[in-house]
Protein backbone atom coordinates (compact mmCIF):
# COMPACT_ATOMS: atom_id res chain seq x y z
CA MET A 1 -11.58 37.08 -12.27
CA GLY A 2 -9.46 34.11 -11.32
CA THR A 3 -6.60 32.22 -12.93
CA LYS A 4 -7.25 29.41 -15.39
CA CYS A 5 -6.15 26.18 -13.73
CA TYR A 6 -6.64 22.44 -13.54
CA ALA A 7 -8.17 20.45 -10.72
CA LEU A 8 -7.40 16.81 -10.03
CA VAL A 9 -10.08 15.09 -8.00
CA TRP A 10 -8.88 11.65 -6.98
CA GLU A 11 -10.18 9.62 -4.09
CA GLY A 12 -11.91 6.32 -3.33
CA GLU A 13 -14.47 6.55 -6.12
CA MET A 14 -13.28 8.97 -8.79
CA GLY A 15 -10.09 10.02 -10.51
CA SER A 16 -10.65 12.91 -12.90
CA PHE A 17 -9.01 16.07 -14.25
CA TYR A 18 -11.09 19.24 -14.62
CA GLU A 19 -10.39 22.61 -16.19
CA ILE A 20 -11.48 25.73 -14.30
CA ASP A 21 -11.53 28.96 -16.30
CA GLN A 22 -11.17 32.56 -15.12
CA ARG A 23 -14.91 32.82 -14.37
CA LEU A 24 -14.91 29.54 -12.40
CA ASN A 25 -16.67 27.57 -15.08
CA ILE A 26 -15.75 23.92 -14.58
CA THR A 27 -15.28 21.49 -17.48
CA LEU A 28 -14.43 17.80 -17.21
CA VAL A 29 -11.21 17.07 -19.08
CA ALA A 30 -11.25 13.29 -18.60
CA ASP A 31 -12.01 10.49 -16.18
CA VAL A 32 -8.55 8.96 -16.02
CA MET A 33 -9.30 6.09 -13.64
CA THR A 34 -12.29 5.18 -11.51
CA GLN A 35 -11.70 4.41 -7.84
CA PRO A 36 -7.94 5.08 -7.65
CA GLY A 37 -8.06 5.25 -3.86
CA ASN A 38 -9.87 1.94 -3.52
CA ARG A 39 -7.53 0.27 -6.01
CA TYR A 40 -4.54 1.63 -4.09
CA GLY A 41 -5.72 0.38 -0.71
CA LEU A 42 -6.63 -3.02 -2.13
CA ALA A 43 -2.94 -3.84 -2.64
CA TYR A 44 -2.40 -3.73 1.13
CA GLY A 45 -4.96 -6.51 1.57
CA LEU A 46 -3.01 -8.72 -0.84
CA ALA A 47 -0.34 -9.50 1.77
CA ASP A 48 -2.53 -9.16 4.85
CA PRO A 49 -3.90 -12.63 5.71
CA THR A 50 -6.75 -11.03 7.70
CA PHE A 51 -8.17 -9.31 4.61
CA PRO A 52 -10.83 -11.32 2.69
CA LYS A 53 -9.68 -11.47 -0.91
CA ASP A 54 -13.27 -11.53 -2.13
CA GLY A 55 -14.06 -8.40 -0.12
CA PRO A 56 -15.35 -5.63 -2.36
CA TYR A 57 -13.37 -2.75 -0.84
CA PRO A 58 -10.26 -2.17 1.26
CA ARG A 59 -10.56 -1.01 4.84
CA SER A 60 -10.44 2.73 5.44
CA SER A 61 -6.96 2.63 6.97
CA ASP A 62 -5.33 0.41 4.33
CA ALA A 63 -4.39 3.19 1.88
CA GLY A 64 -2.46 5.13 4.51
CA LYS A 65 -0.61 2.00 5.58
CA LEU A 66 0.32 1.15 2.00
CA MET A 67 1.70 4.68 1.60
CA ALA A 68 4.08 3.95 4.48
CA LEU A 69 5.08 0.55 3.08
CA ALA A 70 5.67 1.91 -0.43
CA SER A 71 8.61 3.92 0.90
CA PHE A 72 10.43 0.67 1.74
CA SER A 73 10.57 -0.31 -1.94
CA THR A 74 14.01 -0.68 -3.50
CA ARG A 75 12.92 -2.29 -6.78
CA ALA A 76 11.43 -0.38 -9.72
CA ALA A 77 10.56 -3.11 -12.23
CA PRO A 78 7.69 -5.55 -11.66
CA THR A 79 8.04 -9.27 -12.22
CA ALA A 80 5.87 -10.87 -14.88
CA ILE A 81 3.21 -12.01 -12.42
CA GLU A 82 3.27 -8.64 -10.66
CA GLN A 83 2.69 -6.88 -13.98
CA GLN A 84 -0.25 -9.14 -14.71
CA LEU A 85 -1.73 -8.34 -11.29
CA ILE A 86 -1.16 -4.61 -11.79
CA SER A 87 -2.90 -4.74 -15.16
CA HIS A 88 -5.77 -6.72 -13.64
CA LEU A 89 -6.24 -4.18 -10.83
CA LEU A 90 -5.74 -0.99 -12.85
CA ASP A 91 -7.03 -1.70 -16.36
CA GLY A 92 -10.76 -1.53 -16.78
CA PRO A 93 -13.42 -1.43 -14.06
CA TYR A 94 -12.57 -1.81 -10.39
CA CYS A 95 -12.45 -5.46 -9.33
CA LYS A 96 -11.69 -7.60 -6.31
CA LEU A 97 -8.43 -9.41 -5.66
CA ALA A 98 -10.26 -12.73 -5.92
CA ASP A 99 -11.24 -11.90 -9.51
CA PHE A 100 -7.60 -12.37 -10.60
CA GLU A 101 -7.43 -15.96 -11.85
CA LYS A 102 -3.72 -16.28 -11.10
CA LEU A 103 -3.99 -14.94 -7.55
CA PRO A 104 -2.69 -18.22 -6.00
CA GLU A 105 0.49 -17.78 -8.07
CA VAL A 106 1.23 -14.29 -6.68
CA PRO A 107 4.10 -14.74 -4.17
CA HIS A 108 2.87 -11.88 -1.98
CA LEU A 109 -0.50 -13.49 -1.25
CA ASN A 110 -1.02 -13.51 2.54
CA ILE A 111 2.76 -13.27 3.03
CA GLY A 112 2.49 -10.61 5.75
CA LEU A 113 3.33 -6.90 5.75
CA ASN A 114 6.97 -7.37 6.77
CA ASP A 115 7.90 -9.27 3.62
CA THR A 116 10.62 -7.42 1.69
CA GLU A 117 9.36 -8.36 -1.77
CA PHE A 118 5.80 -7.32 -0.95
CA ARG A 119 7.12 -3.95 0.19
CA ASN A 120 8.92 -3.69 -3.14
CA PHE A 121 5.64 -4.42 -4.88
CA ALA A 122 3.86 -1.78 -2.77
CA GLY A 123 6.17 0.89 -4.18
CA ILE A 124 5.88 -0.43 -7.72
CA PHE A 125 2.08 -0.51 -7.50
CA SER A 126 1.96 3.01 -6.04
CA ASP A 127 4.13 4.28 -8.90
CA ALA A 128 1.91 2.51 -11.44
CA ILE A 129 -1.20 4.37 -10.27
CA PHE A 130 0.57 7.72 -10.22
CA SER A 131 2.02 7.09 -13.68
CA ARG A 132 -1.45 6.64 -15.19
CA PHE A 133 -2.40 10.16 -14.09
CA HIS A 134 1.00 11.71 -14.77
CA ASN A 135 1.16 10.30 -18.29
CA PHE A 136 -2.31 11.67 -19.03
CA ALA A 137 -1.36 15.10 -17.71
CA GLU A 138 1.86 15.17 -19.70
CA LYS A 139 0.08 14.31 -22.95
CA ASN A 140 -3.16 16.26 -22.59
CA LEU A 141 -2.82 19.25 -20.25
CA GLU A 142 -1.44 22.67 -21.09
CA ARG A 143 1.81 23.36 -19.29
CA GLY A 144 2.32 26.25 -16.92
CA ARG A 145 -1.09 26.35 -15.24
CA PRO A 146 -1.67 25.81 -11.50
CA LEU A 147 -3.00 22.49 -10.27
CA ILE A 148 -5.49 22.12 -7.42
CA ILE A 149 -5.76 18.67 -5.83
CA ALA A 150 -8.80 17.35 -3.98
CA GLY A 151 -9.88 13.94 -2.69
CA GLY A 152 -8.37 11.47 -0.27
CA CYS A 153 -5.45 10.71 -2.61
CA GLY A 154 -4.40 14.31 -1.93
CA LEU A 155 -3.17 13.06 1.47
CA ASN A 156 -0.51 10.94 -0.28
CA CYS A 157 2.57 13.05 0.40
CA ASP A 158 4.75 11.15 -2.07
CA TRP A 159 2.31 11.76 -4.91
CA ASN A 160 1.91 15.44 -3.98
CA SER A 161 5.68 15.87 -4.09
CA LYS A 162 5.83 14.21 -7.50
CA TRP A 163 3.18 16.57 -8.87
CA GLU A 164 5.09 19.54 -7.47
CA LYS A 165 8.35 18.44 -9.09
CA CYS A 166 7.03 17.09 -12.41
CA GLY A 167 7.43 20.40 -14.28
CA ILE A 168 3.94 20.43 -15.80
CA PHE A 169 2.30 22.90 -13.42
CA SER A 170 3.28 26.38 -12.28
CA TYR A 171 2.02 25.73 -8.77
CA VAL A 172 0.38 22.87 -6.86
CA PHE A 173 -2.11 23.51 -4.07
CA VAL A 174 -3.42 20.79 -1.78
CA PRO A 175 -5.75 21.84 1.06
CA PRO A 176 -5.35 20.29 4.52
CA VAL A 177 -8.92 18.98 4.11
CA ALA A 178 -8.35 17.25 0.78
CA ASN A 179 -10.34 14.18 1.86
CA ASP A 180 -13.98 13.93 3.00
CA SER A 181 -13.22 16.19 5.98
CA GLY A 182 -13.39 19.11 3.53
CA VAL A 183 -16.83 18.36 2.14
CA ALA A 184 -18.66 20.78 4.45
CA ILE A 185 -16.31 23.63 3.57
CA GLY A 186 -16.61 22.89 -0.14
CA THR A 187 -20.39 22.80 0.07
CA ALA A 188 -20.44 26.15 1.87
CA ILE A 189 -18.13 27.70 -0.74
CA ASP A 190 -20.33 26.38 -3.53
CA ALA A 191 -23.44 27.84 -1.90
CA GLN A 192 -21.71 31.20 -1.38
CA PHE A 193 -20.63 31.22 -5.02
CA ARG A 194 -24.14 30.39 -6.28
CA TYR A 195 -25.75 33.13 -4.19
CA THR A 196 -23.09 35.86 -4.42
CA GLY A 197 -20.82 35.03 -7.37
CA ASN A 198 -17.85 35.06 -4.96
CA ALA A 199 -16.04 31.79 -4.26
CA LYS A 200 -13.26 33.32 -2.15
CA ILE A 201 -13.21 32.71 1.61
CA ASP A 202 -10.89 33.55 4.48
CA TRP A 203 -9.90 30.37 6.27
CA ASP A 204 -7.55 29.12 8.93
CA VAL A 205 -6.45 25.53 9.49
CA TYR A 206 -7.04 26.06 13.22
CA SER A 207 -10.80 26.51 12.93
CA GLY A 208 -12.04 23.76 15.25
CA LEU A 209 -13.44 24.14 18.75
CA ASN A 210 -11.54 25.48 21.74
CA PHE A 211 -10.33 22.95 24.29
CA ARG A 212 -12.92 22.14 26.98
CA TYR A 213 -12.00 21.74 30.63
CA ALA A 214 -15.32 20.28 31.81
CA GLY A 215 -15.29 16.77 33.31
CA ALA A 216 -13.81 14.85 36.18
CA VAL A 217 -10.03 14.45 36.32
CA GLU A 218 -8.08 13.08 39.29
CA LEU A 219 -5.51 15.87 39.45
CA GLY A 220 -3.82 14.16 42.38
CA ASP A 221 -2.33 11.79 39.82
CA TYR A 222 -0.35 14.66 38.30
CA ASP A 223 2.26 17.21 39.16
CA VAL A 224 0.82 20.42 37.71
CA PHE A 225 2.94 23.49 36.99
CA ASP A 226 3.54 26.32 34.54
CA GLY A 227 4.49 24.79 31.22
CA GLU A 228 6.37 27.66 29.66
CA PRO A 229 8.35 26.79 26.50
CA GLY A 230 11.72 26.40 28.19
CA VAL A 231 10.36 23.92 30.74
CA VAL A 232 8.46 21.84 28.16
CA ALA A 233 11.50 21.80 25.87
CA ARG A 234 13.62 20.45 28.72
CA LEU A 235 11.03 17.76 29.46
CA LEU A 236 11.01 16.69 25.81
CA GLN A 237 14.80 16.77 25.63
CA SER A 238 14.92 14.35 28.57
CA GLY A 239 12.83 11.81 26.66
CA LEU A 240 9.32 12.49 27.92
CA ILE A 241 6.45 12.08 25.45
CA LEU A 242 3.69 14.62 25.98
CA GLY A 243 0.27 15.43 24.64
CA TRP A 244 -0.05 19.04 23.50
CA ALA A 245 -3.34 20.95 23.24
CA HIS A 246 -3.40 24.66 22.45
CA GLY A 247 -6.18 26.87 21.12
CA LYS A 248 -8.63 25.51 18.55
CA TYR A 249 -8.11 22.10 17.02
CA GLU A 250 -7.10 21.57 13.41
CA ILE A 251 -9.45 21.00 10.51
CA GLY A 252 -8.56 17.93 8.47
CA PRO A 253 -7.00 14.62 9.52
CA ARG A 254 -3.42 15.69 10.28
CA ALA A 255 -2.05 16.95 13.59
CA LEU A 256 -0.68 20.42 12.83
CA GLY A 257 0.57 21.51 16.22
CA ASN A 258 -2.61 22.22 18.18
CA ARG A 259 -3.67 18.63 19.04
CA SER A 260 -0.41 16.73 18.91
CA ILE A 261 1.75 14.21 20.68
CA LEU A 262 5.29 15.60 20.88
CA ALA A 263 8.67 13.99 21.52
CA GLU A 264 12.37 14.48 20.84
CA PRO A 265 13.34 13.55 17.24
CA PHE A 266 16.75 11.95 17.66
CA ARG A 267 16.32 8.31 18.73
CA GLU A 268 14.86 5.34 16.89
CA GLU A 269 13.52 4.20 20.26
CA THR A 270 11.32 7.30 20.34
CA ARG A 271 9.65 6.35 17.06
CA VAL A 272 9.07 2.84 18.38
CA ARG A 273 7.48 4.12 21.58
CA LEU A 274 5.31 6.62 19.71
CA ASN A 275 3.93 3.87 17.48
CA GLU A 276 3.24 1.79 20.59
CA ILE A 277 1.39 4.73 22.14
CA LYS A 278 -0.59 5.14 18.92
CA GLN A 279 -1.22 1.37 18.84
CA ARG A 280 -0.17 1.08 15.23
CA GLU A 281 2.32 -0.83 13.10
CA GLN A 282 6.03 -0.14 13.52
CA PHE A 283 6.52 0.49 9.80
CA ARG A 284 4.49 3.70 10.11
CA PRO A 285 6.66 6.87 10.03
CA ILE A 286 6.52 9.74 12.52
CA ALA A 287 6.36 13.25 11.09
CA PRO A 288 8.57 16.17 12.12
CA ILE A 289 7.34 19.64 12.99
CA CYS A 290 9.88 22.45 12.74
CA THR A 291 10.35 26.13 12.13
CA LYS A 292 10.63 27.29 8.55
CA GLU A 293 14.28 28.18 9.12
CA GLU A 294 15.08 24.70 10.41
CA ALA A 295 13.27 23.11 7.48
CA GLU A 296 15.80 24.57 5.08
CA ARG A 297 18.70 23.69 7.38
CA TRP A 298 17.87 20.03 8.04
CA PHE A 299 15.60 19.12 5.09
CA ASP A 300 15.48 19.97 1.38
CA CYS A 301 12.61 22.39 2.02
CA ASP A 302 13.09 26.08 1.31
CA THR A 303 9.41 27.09 1.41
CA ASP A 304 6.55 26.94 3.89
CA SER A 305 5.03 23.47 4.25
CA PRO A 306 2.30 24.21 6.79
CA HIS A 307 -0.07 21.27 6.28
CA MET A 308 2.12 18.13 6.30
CA LEU A 309 1.29 17.26 2.70
CA TYR A 310 4.70 16.82 1.04
CA THR A 311 7.80 14.70 1.59
CA HIS A 312 11.27 16.19 1.89
CA TYR A 313 14.66 14.51 2.14
CA ALA A 314 16.56 14.83 5.41
CA ARG A 315 20.03 16.36 5.22
CA THR A 316 21.24 14.76 8.45
CA ASP A 317 21.27 11.32 10.06
CA THR A 318 20.65 12.86 13.48
CA LEU A 319 16.86 13.02 13.20
CA ALA A 320 16.31 9.25 13.31
CA ALA A 321 12.84 9.33 14.87
CA VAL A 322 11.34 11.45 12.06
CA THR A 323 13.27 10.17 9.04
CA HIS A 324 11.52 7.38 7.14
CA VAL A 325 13.35 4.37 5.74
CA ASN A 326 13.84 6.07 2.34
CA GLY A 327 15.39 9.18 3.87
CA THR A 328 12.31 11.37 3.61
CA ALA A 329 10.11 13.12 6.15
CA ARG A 330 6.48 14.23 5.99
CA LEU A 331 7.33 17.72 7.11
CA GLN A 332 5.27 20.51 8.68
CA THR A 333 6.69 23.99 9.13
CA VAL A 334 5.43 26.67 11.52
CA THR A 335 6.05 30.40 11.76
CA PRO A 336 5.24 33.00 14.43
CA ALA A 337 2.20 33.98 12.38
CA SER A 338 0.87 30.46 11.80
CA ASN A 339 1.34 29.01 15.30
CA ALA A 340 3.12 31.19 17.84
CA PRO A 341 3.00 28.76 20.84
CA MET A 342 4.49 25.93 18.81
CA TYR A 343 7.07 28.24 17.25
CA ASP A 344 8.17 29.37 20.72
CA LEU A 345 8.47 25.75 21.90
CA LEU A 346 10.55 24.79 18.85
CA ASN A 347 12.88 27.73 19.42
CA ALA A 348 13.25 26.76 23.08
CA PHE A 349 14.07 23.18 22.04
CA GLN A 350 16.61 24.50 19.54
CA GLU A 351 18.36 26.50 22.27
CA LEU A 352 18.79 23.27 24.25
CA THR A 353 19.67 20.84 21.46
CA GLY A 354 20.64 22.81 18.36
CA PHE A 355 17.60 21.46 16.49
CA GLY A 356 14.27 23.29 16.20
CA VAL A 357 12.56 20.01 15.28
CA LEU A 358 10.18 17.72 17.20
CA CYS A 359 8.24 14.52 16.58
CA ASN A 360 4.59 15.34 15.91
CA THR A 361 1.74 12.85 15.66
CA SER A 362 -1.99 13.19 16.21
CA LEU A 363 -3.58 13.29 19.67
CA ASN A 364 -6.58 11.03 19.23
CA PHE A 365 -8.04 7.65 20.07
CA ASN A 366 -7.99 5.23 17.13
CA GLY A 367 -10.80 5.95 14.70
CA LYS A 368 -11.88 9.12 16.48
CA GLY A 369 -11.27 12.84 16.07
CA PHE A 370 -8.82 14.98 17.99
CA ILE A 371 -9.05 14.87 21.78
CA ASN A 372 -10.66 18.10 22.93
CA ASN A 373 -11.42 17.85 26.66
CA LEU A 374 -9.49 17.21 29.84
CA THR A 375 -11.37 14.00 30.72
CA ASP A 376 -10.45 12.30 27.44
CA LEU A 377 -6.90 13.61 27.60
CA ASP A 378 -6.48 12.22 31.11
CA ALA A 379 -7.85 8.84 29.97
CA TYR A 380 -5.61 8.76 26.88
CA ALA A 381 -2.48 9.60 28.89
CA LYS A 382 -3.12 6.78 31.38
CA GLU A 383 -4.35 4.17 28.88
CA HIS A 384 -1.77 4.78 26.15
CA GLY A 385 1.32 5.61 28.18
CA LEU A 386 1.94 9.32 27.75
CA ASP A 387 4.16 10.89 30.40
CA GLY A 388 1.71 13.76 30.66
CA PHE A 389 0.36 16.64 28.63
CA VAL A 390 0.45 20.39 28.20
CA VAL A 391 -2.80 22.32 27.82
CA ASP A 392 -2.72 26.04 27.00
CA GLY A 393 0.54 26.56 28.82
CA LYS A 394 -0.08 24.38 31.88
CA ALA A 395 1.83 21.12 32.23
CA TYR A 396 0.36 17.96 33.80
CA LEU A 397 2.92 15.20 34.41
CA LEU A 398 1.80 11.77 35.57
CA LYS A 399 3.43 10.83 38.86
CA ILE A 400 3.28 7.16 37.85
CA SER A 401 5.30 7.76 34.68
CA ASP A 402 8.67 6.01 34.78
CA SER A 403 10.13 8.59 32.39
CA TYR A 404 8.91 11.46 34.55
CA ARG A 405 10.25 9.89 37.76
CA HIS A 406 13.61 9.43 36.06
CA PHE A 407 13.53 13.07 34.99
CA LEU A 408 12.86 14.23 38.57
CA GLN A 409 15.65 12.07 39.92
CA SER A 410 18.15 13.30 37.34
CA SER A 411 17.25 16.99 37.47
CA GLY A 412 15.35 17.79 40.67
CA GLU A 413 14.26 21.02 39.00
CA VAL A 414 10.53 20.60 38.44
CA GLY A 415 8.28 20.87 41.44
CA SER A 416 4.61 20.12 41.88
């Protein structure tokens, strides 16, 4: 027997609440809005002059970019024309931007993503979509039950945090594979349930493949040495930016400390360089990874947050590289049980700096999955400007790296 709960499935195509009873019978409560994810991402294309306004759907990356821009918003009330556009995009069936007759009158049209008033609109539009679902839940759902969230909109950390704090649900669970990356797992669970009557599984977020060492790498380009936590922490403290690959890679789209790019969290320049390495827009935030103890010390987070799915306010101005413009951070916490190598590195960094916090972003080529072999990691480091990488406790530092050469000159402690 399980616990009666609600499930919210919201993604590109569907936006619906379901009731799940103690015997796992599933009943549709209501289709609140079709295609909430597509509607959300479409707003990004409004200001982007490269997006065709008669295009039927947003690009796959647009929703995530709008989530970053929405945090820049400092205005809560829409203008008259903005409200008309919101109603056009959210009321009734999904439609294209070009279907709005007054589109030429919208001041944000093709204005560019750096425009302050468009960023205000991004936040207002994001709130408008969430409000449709929140208002339905408040009026129609029984209070005090758990809520399970699935679908790509479950990767919106701001929305997840609002659900957690809204007071309607006793508990909110979002899996790290909320988007399409979880379809295979969900299908397997469904098959197990149909054949055995048991829908429970044991799972671990680190369930990918082990790192592969096969392939040609010119090791003469690197100084290679033991990368124990104290050494790596000192390298990061000095300003080096390193790839980090340990054990099996993560399931889902977020880097959770096994296939990551790591850096010190204190300087705005670090965030800028990380976004250059990732070849993405400078308005995109960088997430922090920290121990559970440090999460409570430096952020308003007193529980585990192991999957980088919620936002938390920073309690210090010191962590500039991982604090977004609105003072929040998309936090991940680790413990000795969840990720011992990363926990040890964070503790070593804390001993040096007083902060058990690092920058953490995904180790992957654009549009591809996590890097999982030495050949690709070597290519990424050289093409994207990493100073080196650490693989299962062994450090490889590029001799051509300016940051690494500066480190050697200033310390003289790391040999080849």
